[in-house]
Amino acid sequence: MIIHPLNNGLGAAHYAGIGLCLLLCVTLFALYKPLILKDNSKYRALFTMICGLAIMILCATLFLNYLNATKMGDIVFELDSMEFRGNSLKYNNIKQAYIEPTYQKSRYDSQLNKDTIYMGVLEMKNKKTFIFSEENYELEVLIKTIRNRIK
């Protein structure tokens, strides 16, 4: 049985960021060669620095987003083990699997929950813990399959 991620992590925002990065590169080139703001060199230098800084921050964000997206992969269930992210876990080494809610509290009133995210927790007998987010996997199917394979 194979459980696929709900999304690959490279959505429309990632591709919009690539487009914005290209647009900033064209703007940086136009500012560096005096194609725009010819008369005012003070503002041209300032906008050149701002564009350069924005390009660096945007490229770093896109690169780290890509690295994170490539780490999410399929979870493959075999007869005696499960494999994900290059890890092979034997079912007899799994202590327990459960779903745990994570609450995000309101910053103004600590009694109010702003958001709840469910995490699938997989505890091993050697004290290692693996966490799966509901944003990436169908937790009910995942935890139910792991519990059935443990027994």
C-alpha atoms as a PDB file:
ATOM      1  CA  MET A   1       0.000   0.000   0.000  1.00  0.00           C
ATOM      2  CA  ILE A   2       1.274   3.485  -0.838  1.00  0.00           C
ATOM      3  CA  ILE A   3       0.110   6.760   0.718  1.00  0.00           C
ATOM      4  CA  HIS A   4       0.916   9.808  -1.399  1.00  0.00           C
ATOM      5  CA  PRO A   5       1.305  13.351  -0.024  1.00  0.00           C
ATOM      6  CA  LEU A   6      -1.712  15.612  -0.465  1.00  0.00           C
ATOM      7  CA  ASN A   7       0.410  18.209  -2.259  1.00  0.00           C
ATOM      8  CA  ASN A   8       3.978  18.417  -3.469  1.00  0.00           C
ATOM      9  CA  GLY A   9       4.631  21.712  -1.692  1.00  0.00           C
ATOM     10  CA  LEU A  10       5.353  23.646  -4.891  1.00  0.00           C
ATOM     11  CA  GLY A  11       2.060  25.423  -5.389  1.00  0.00           C
ATOM     12  CA  ALA A  12       1.064  28.604  -7.153  1.00  0.00           C
ATOM     13  CA  ALA A  13       2.858  30.774  -4.583  1.00  0.00           C
ATOM     14  CA  HIS A  14       6.178  29.121  -5.440  1.00  0.00           C
ATOM     15  CA  TYR A  15       5.783  29.788  -9.148  1.00  0.00           C
ATOM     16  CA  ALA A  16       4.565  33.332  -8.482  1.00  0.00           C
ATOM     17  CA  GLY A  17       7.740  33.838  -6.439  1.00  0.00           C
ATOM     18  CA  ILE A  18       9.844  32.665  -9.377  1.00  0.00           C
ATOM     19  CA  GLY A  19       8.051  35.157 -11.640  1.00  0.00           C
ATOM     20  CA  LEU A  20       8.544  37.954  -9.101  1.00  0.00           C
ATOM     21  CA  CYS A  21      12.236  37.074  -8.846  1.00  0.00           C
ATOM     22  CA  LEU A  22      12.606  37.316 -12.632  1.00  0.00           C
ATOM     23  CA  LEU A  23      10.751  40.646 -12.640  1.00  0.00           C
ATOM     24  CA  LEU A  24      13.044  41.973  -9.910  1.00  0.00           C
ATOM     25  CA  CYS A  25      16.094  40.852 -11.908  1.00  0.00           C
ATOM     26  CA  VAL A  26      14.869  42.796 -14.962  1.00  0.00           C
ATOM     27  CA  THR A  27      14.182  45.831 -12.753  1.00  0.00           C
ATOM     28  CA  LEU A  28      17.631  45.536 -11.189  1.00  0.00           C
ATOM     29  CA  PHE A  29      19.242  45.447 -14.627  1.00  0.00           C
ATOM     30  CA  ALA A  30      17.204  48.471 -15.734  1.00  0.00           C
ATOM     31  CA  LEU A  31      18.282  50.356 -12.613  1.00  0.00           C
ATOM     32  CA  TYR A  32      21.924  49.339 -12.888  1.00  0.00           C
ATOM     33  CA  LYS A  33      22.134  50.454 -16.497  1.00  0.00           C
ATOM     34  CA  PRO A  34      20.489  53.871 -16.332  1.00  0.00           C
ATOM     35  CA  LEU A  35      17.396  52.932 -18.314  1.00  0.00           C
ATOM     36  CA  ILE A  36      15.019  54.224 -15.632  1.00  0.00           C
ATOM     37  CA  LEU A  37      15.558  57.066 -13.142  1.00  0.00           C
ATOM     38  CA  LYS A  38      18.342  58.544 -15.311  1.00  0.00           C
ATOM     39  CA  ASP A  39      18.330  61.941 -13.663  1.00  0.00           C
ATOM     40  CA  ASN A  40      18.383  60.979 -10.005  1.00  0.00           C
ATOM     41  CA  SER A  41      21.354  58.782  -9.147  1.00  0.00           C
ATOM     42  CA  LYS A  42      20.628  58.858  -5.363  1.00  0.00           C
ATOM     43  CA  TYR A  43      17.281  57.138  -5.757  1.00  0.00           C
ATOM     44  CA  ARG A  44      18.594  54.843  -8.459  1.00  0.00           C
ATOM     45  CA  ALA A  45      21.312  53.555  -6.104  1.00  0.00           C
ATOM     46  CA  LEU A  46      18.798  53.143  -3.288  1.00  0.00           C
ATOM     47  CA  PHE A  47      16.303  51.221  -5.440  1.00  0.00           C
ATOM     48  CA  THR A  48      19.144  49.084  -6.823  1.00  0.00           C
ATOM     49  CA  MET A  49      20.116  48.045  -3.297  1.00  0.00           C
ATOM     50  CA  ILE A  50      16.493  47.363  -2.340  1.00  0.00           C
ATOM     51  CA  CYS A  51      15.960  45.219  -5.459  1.00  0.00           C
ATOM     52  CA  GLY A  52      19.179  43.314  -4.785  1.00  0.00           C
ATOM     53  CA  LEU A  53      18.189  42.610  -1.194  1.00  0.00           C
ATOM     54  CA  ALA A  54      14.687  41.523  -2.246  1.00  0.00           C
ATOM     55  CA  ILE A  55      16.180  39.166  -4.856  1.00  0.00           C
ATOM     56  CA  MET A  56      18.485  37.579  -2.265  1.00  0.00           C
ATOM     57  CA  ILE A  57      15.675  37.049   0.258  1.00  0.00           C
ATOM     58  CA  LEU A  58      13.278  35.735  -2.390  1.00  0.00           C
ATOM     59  CA  CYS A  59      15.823  33.334  -3.896  1.00  0.00           C
ATOM     60  CA  ALA A  60      16.733  31.964  -0.456  1.00  0.00           C
ATOM     61  CA  THR A  61      13.042  31.470   0.370  1.00  0.00           C
ATOM     62  CA  LEU A  62      12.369  29.706  -2.935  1.00  0.00           C
ATOM     63  CA  PHE A  63      15.395  27.443  -2.475  1.00  0.00           C
ATOM     64  CA  LEU A  64      14.433  26.444   1.073  1.00  0.00           C
ATOM     65  CA  ASN A  65      10.822  25.883  -0.031  1.00  0.00           C
ATOM     66  CA  TYR A  66      12.075  23.583  -2.792  1.00  0.00           C
ATOM     67  CA  LEU A  67      14.256  21.633  -0.333  1.00  0.00           C
ATOM     68  CA  ASN A  68      11.303  21.188   2.024  1.00  0.00           C
ATOM     69  CA  ALA A  69       9.019  20.072  -0.805  1.00  0.00           C
ATOM     70  CA  THR A  70      11.457  17.401  -1.967  1.00  0.00           C
ATOM     71  CA  LYS A  71      11.576  15.857   1.513  1.00  0.00           C
ATOM     72  CA  MET A  72       7.884  14.982   1.374  1.00  0.00           C
ATOM     73  CA  GLY A  73       7.480  11.672  -0.343  1.00  0.00           C
ATOM     74  CA  ASP A  74       5.346   8.593  -0.579  1.00  0.00           C
ATOM     75  CA  ILE A  75       4.900   6.308   2.420  1.00  0.00           C
ATOM     76  CA  VAL A  76       5.248   2.714   1.260  1.00  0.00           C
ATOM     77  CA  PHE A  77       3.849  -0.098   3.422  1.00  0.00           C
ATOM     78  CA  GLU A  78       5.456  -3.501   2.905  1.00  0.00           C
ATOM     79  CA  LEU A  79       4.829  -6.804   4.666  1.00  0.00           C
ATOM     80  CA  ASP A  80       7.240  -6.269   7.562  1.00  0.00           C
ATOM     81  CA  SER A  81       8.220  -2.599   7.325  1.00  0.00           C
ATOM     82  CA  MET A  82       7.272   0.853   6.111  1.00  0.00           C
ATOM     83  CA  GLU A  83       9.475   3.233   4.161  1.00  0.00           C
ATOM     84  CA  PHE A  84       9.419   7.027   3.924  1.00  0.00           C
ATOM     85  CA  ARG A  85      12.042   9.727   3.393  1.00  0.00           C
ATOM     86  CA  GLY A  86      14.754   7.084   3.052  1.00  0.00           C
ATOM     87  CA  ASN A  87      13.911   5.475   6.408  1.00  0.00           C
ATOM     88  CA  SER A  88      12.864   1.865   6.693  1.00  0.00           C
ATOM     89  CA  LEU A  89      10.953   1.123   9.916  1.00  0.00           C
ATOM     90  CA  LYS A  90      10.135  -2.404  11.015  1.00  0.00           C
ATOM     91  CA  TYR A  91       6.658  -2.806  12.464  1.00  0.00           C
ATOM     92  CA  ASN A  92       7.971  -4.657  15.546  1.00  0.00           C
ATOM     93  CA  ASN A  93      10.070  -1.554  16.438  1.00  0.00           C
ATOM     94  CA  ILE A  94       7.046   0.763  16.492  1.00  0.00           C
ATOM     95  CA  LYS A  95       5.778   1.472  20.008  1.00  0.00           C
ATOM     96  CA  GLN A  96       2.582   3.370  19.144  1.00  0.00           C
ATOM     97  CA  ALA A  97       0.942   5.588  16.542  1.00  0.00           C
ATOM     98  CA  TYR A  98      -1.634   8.243  17.362  1.00  0.00           C
ATOM     99  CA  ILE A  99      -3.057  11.585  16.281  1.00  0.00           C
ATOM    100  CA  GLU A 100      -2.352  14.550  18.530  1.00  0.00           C
ATOM    101  CA  PRO A 101      -3.873  18.030  18.180  1.00  0.00           C
ATOM    102  CA  THR A 102      -1.644  21.070  18.349  1.00  0.00           C
ATOM    103  CA  TYR A 103      -3.411  24.235  19.471  1.00  0.00           C
ATOM    104  CA  GLN A 104      -2.408  27.722  18.467  1.00  0.00           C
ATOM    105  CA  LYS A 105      -3.545  30.089  21.195  1.00  0.00           C
ATOM    106  CA  SER A 106      -4.772  33.606  20.637  1.00  0.00           C
ATOM    107  CA  ARG A 107      -2.202  36.200  21.607  1.00  0.00           C
ATOM    108  CA  TYR A 108      -4.859  38.325  23.333  1.00  0.00           C
ATOM    109  CA  ASP A 109      -6.798  35.682  25.267  1.00  0.00           C
ATOM    110  CA  SER A 110      -5.016  32.503  26.290  1.00  0.00           C
ATOM    111  CA  GLN A 111      -8.333  30.666  26.709  1.00  0.00           C
ATOM    112  CA  LEU A 112      -9.196  30.981  23.003  1.00  0.00           C
ATOM    113  CA  ASN A 113      -7.817  28.595  20.429  1.00  0.00           C
ATOM    114  CA  LYS A 114      -6.997  30.358  17.195  1.00  0.00           C
ATOM    115  CA  ASP A 115      -6.229  27.257  15.131  1.00  0.00           C
ATOM    116  CA  THR A 116      -5.891  23.515  15.588  1.00  0.00           C
ATOM    117  CA  ILE A 117      -3.509  21.405  13.535  1.00  0.00           C
ATOM    118  CA  TYR A 118      -3.485  17.640  13.899  1.00  0.00           C
ATOM    119  CA  MET A 119      -0.191  15.765  13.850  1.00  0.00           C
ATOM    120  CA  GLY A 120       0.307  12.050  13.327  1.00  0.00           C
ATOM    121  CA  VAL A 121       2.885  10.845  15.839  1.00  0.00           C
ATOM    122  CA  LEU A 122       4.825   7.625  15.338  1.00  0.00           C
ATOM    123  CA  GLU A 123       6.821   6.584  18.422  1.00  0.00           C
ATOM    124  CA  MET A 124       9.533   3.971  18.145  1.00  0.00           C
ATOM    125  CA  LYS A 125      10.817   1.664  20.879  1.00  0.00           C
ATOM    126  CA  ASN A 126      14.286   3.238  20.596  1.00  0.00           C
ATOM    127  CA  LYS A 127      12.823   6.647  21.681  1.00  0.00           C
ATOM    128  CA  LYS A 128      12.758   8.147  18.157  1.00  0.00           C
ATOM    129  CA  THR A 129       9.635  10.015  17.085  1.00  0.00           C
ATOM    130  CA  PHE A 130       8.378  10.777  13.598  1.00  0.00           C
ATOM    131  CA  ILE A 131       5.698  13.404  12.978  1.00  0.00           C
ATOM    132  CA  PHE A 132       3.354  13.717  10.007  1.00  0.00           C
ATOM    133  CA  SER A 133       1.263  16.836   9.454  1.00  0.00           C
ATOM    134  CA  GLU A 134      -2.368  16.837   8.354  1.00  0.00           C
ATOM    135  CA  GLU A 135      -1.383  19.415   5.760  1.00  0.00           C
ATOM    136  CA  ASN A 136       0.738  16.806   3.971  1.00  0.00           C
ATOM    137  CA  TYR A 137      -0.940  13.417   4.575  1.00  0.00           C
ATOM    138  CA  GLU A 138      -4.357  11.951   5.324  1.00  0.00           C
ATOM    139  CA  LEU A 139      -3.716  11.174   8.974  1.00  0.00           C
ATOM    140  CA  GLU A 140      -6.726   8.947   9.611  1.00  0.00           C
ATOM    141  CA  VAL A 141      -5.747   6.562   6.806  1.00  0.00           C
ATOM    142  CA  LEU A 142      -2.069   6.674   7.759  1.00  0.00           C
ATOM    143  CA  ILE A 143      -2.512   6.003  11.482  1.00  0.00           C
ATOM    144  CA  LYS A 144      -5.179   3.345  10.885  1.00  0.00           C
ATOM    145  CA  THR A 145      -2.884   1.508   8.469  1.00  0.00           C
ATOM    146  CA  ILE A 146       0.063   1.672  10.883  1.00  0.00           C
ATOM    147  CA  ARG A 147      -2.070   0.411  13.797  1.00  0.00           C
ATOM    148  CA  ASN A 148      -3.341  -2.487  11.691  1.00  0.00           C
ATOM    149  CA  ARG A 149       0.198  -3.448  10.698  1.00  0.00           C
ATOM    150  CA  ILE A 150       1.532  -3.221  14.279  1.00  0.00           C
ATOM    151  CA  LYS A 151      -0.988  -5.763  15.617  1.00  0.00           C
END
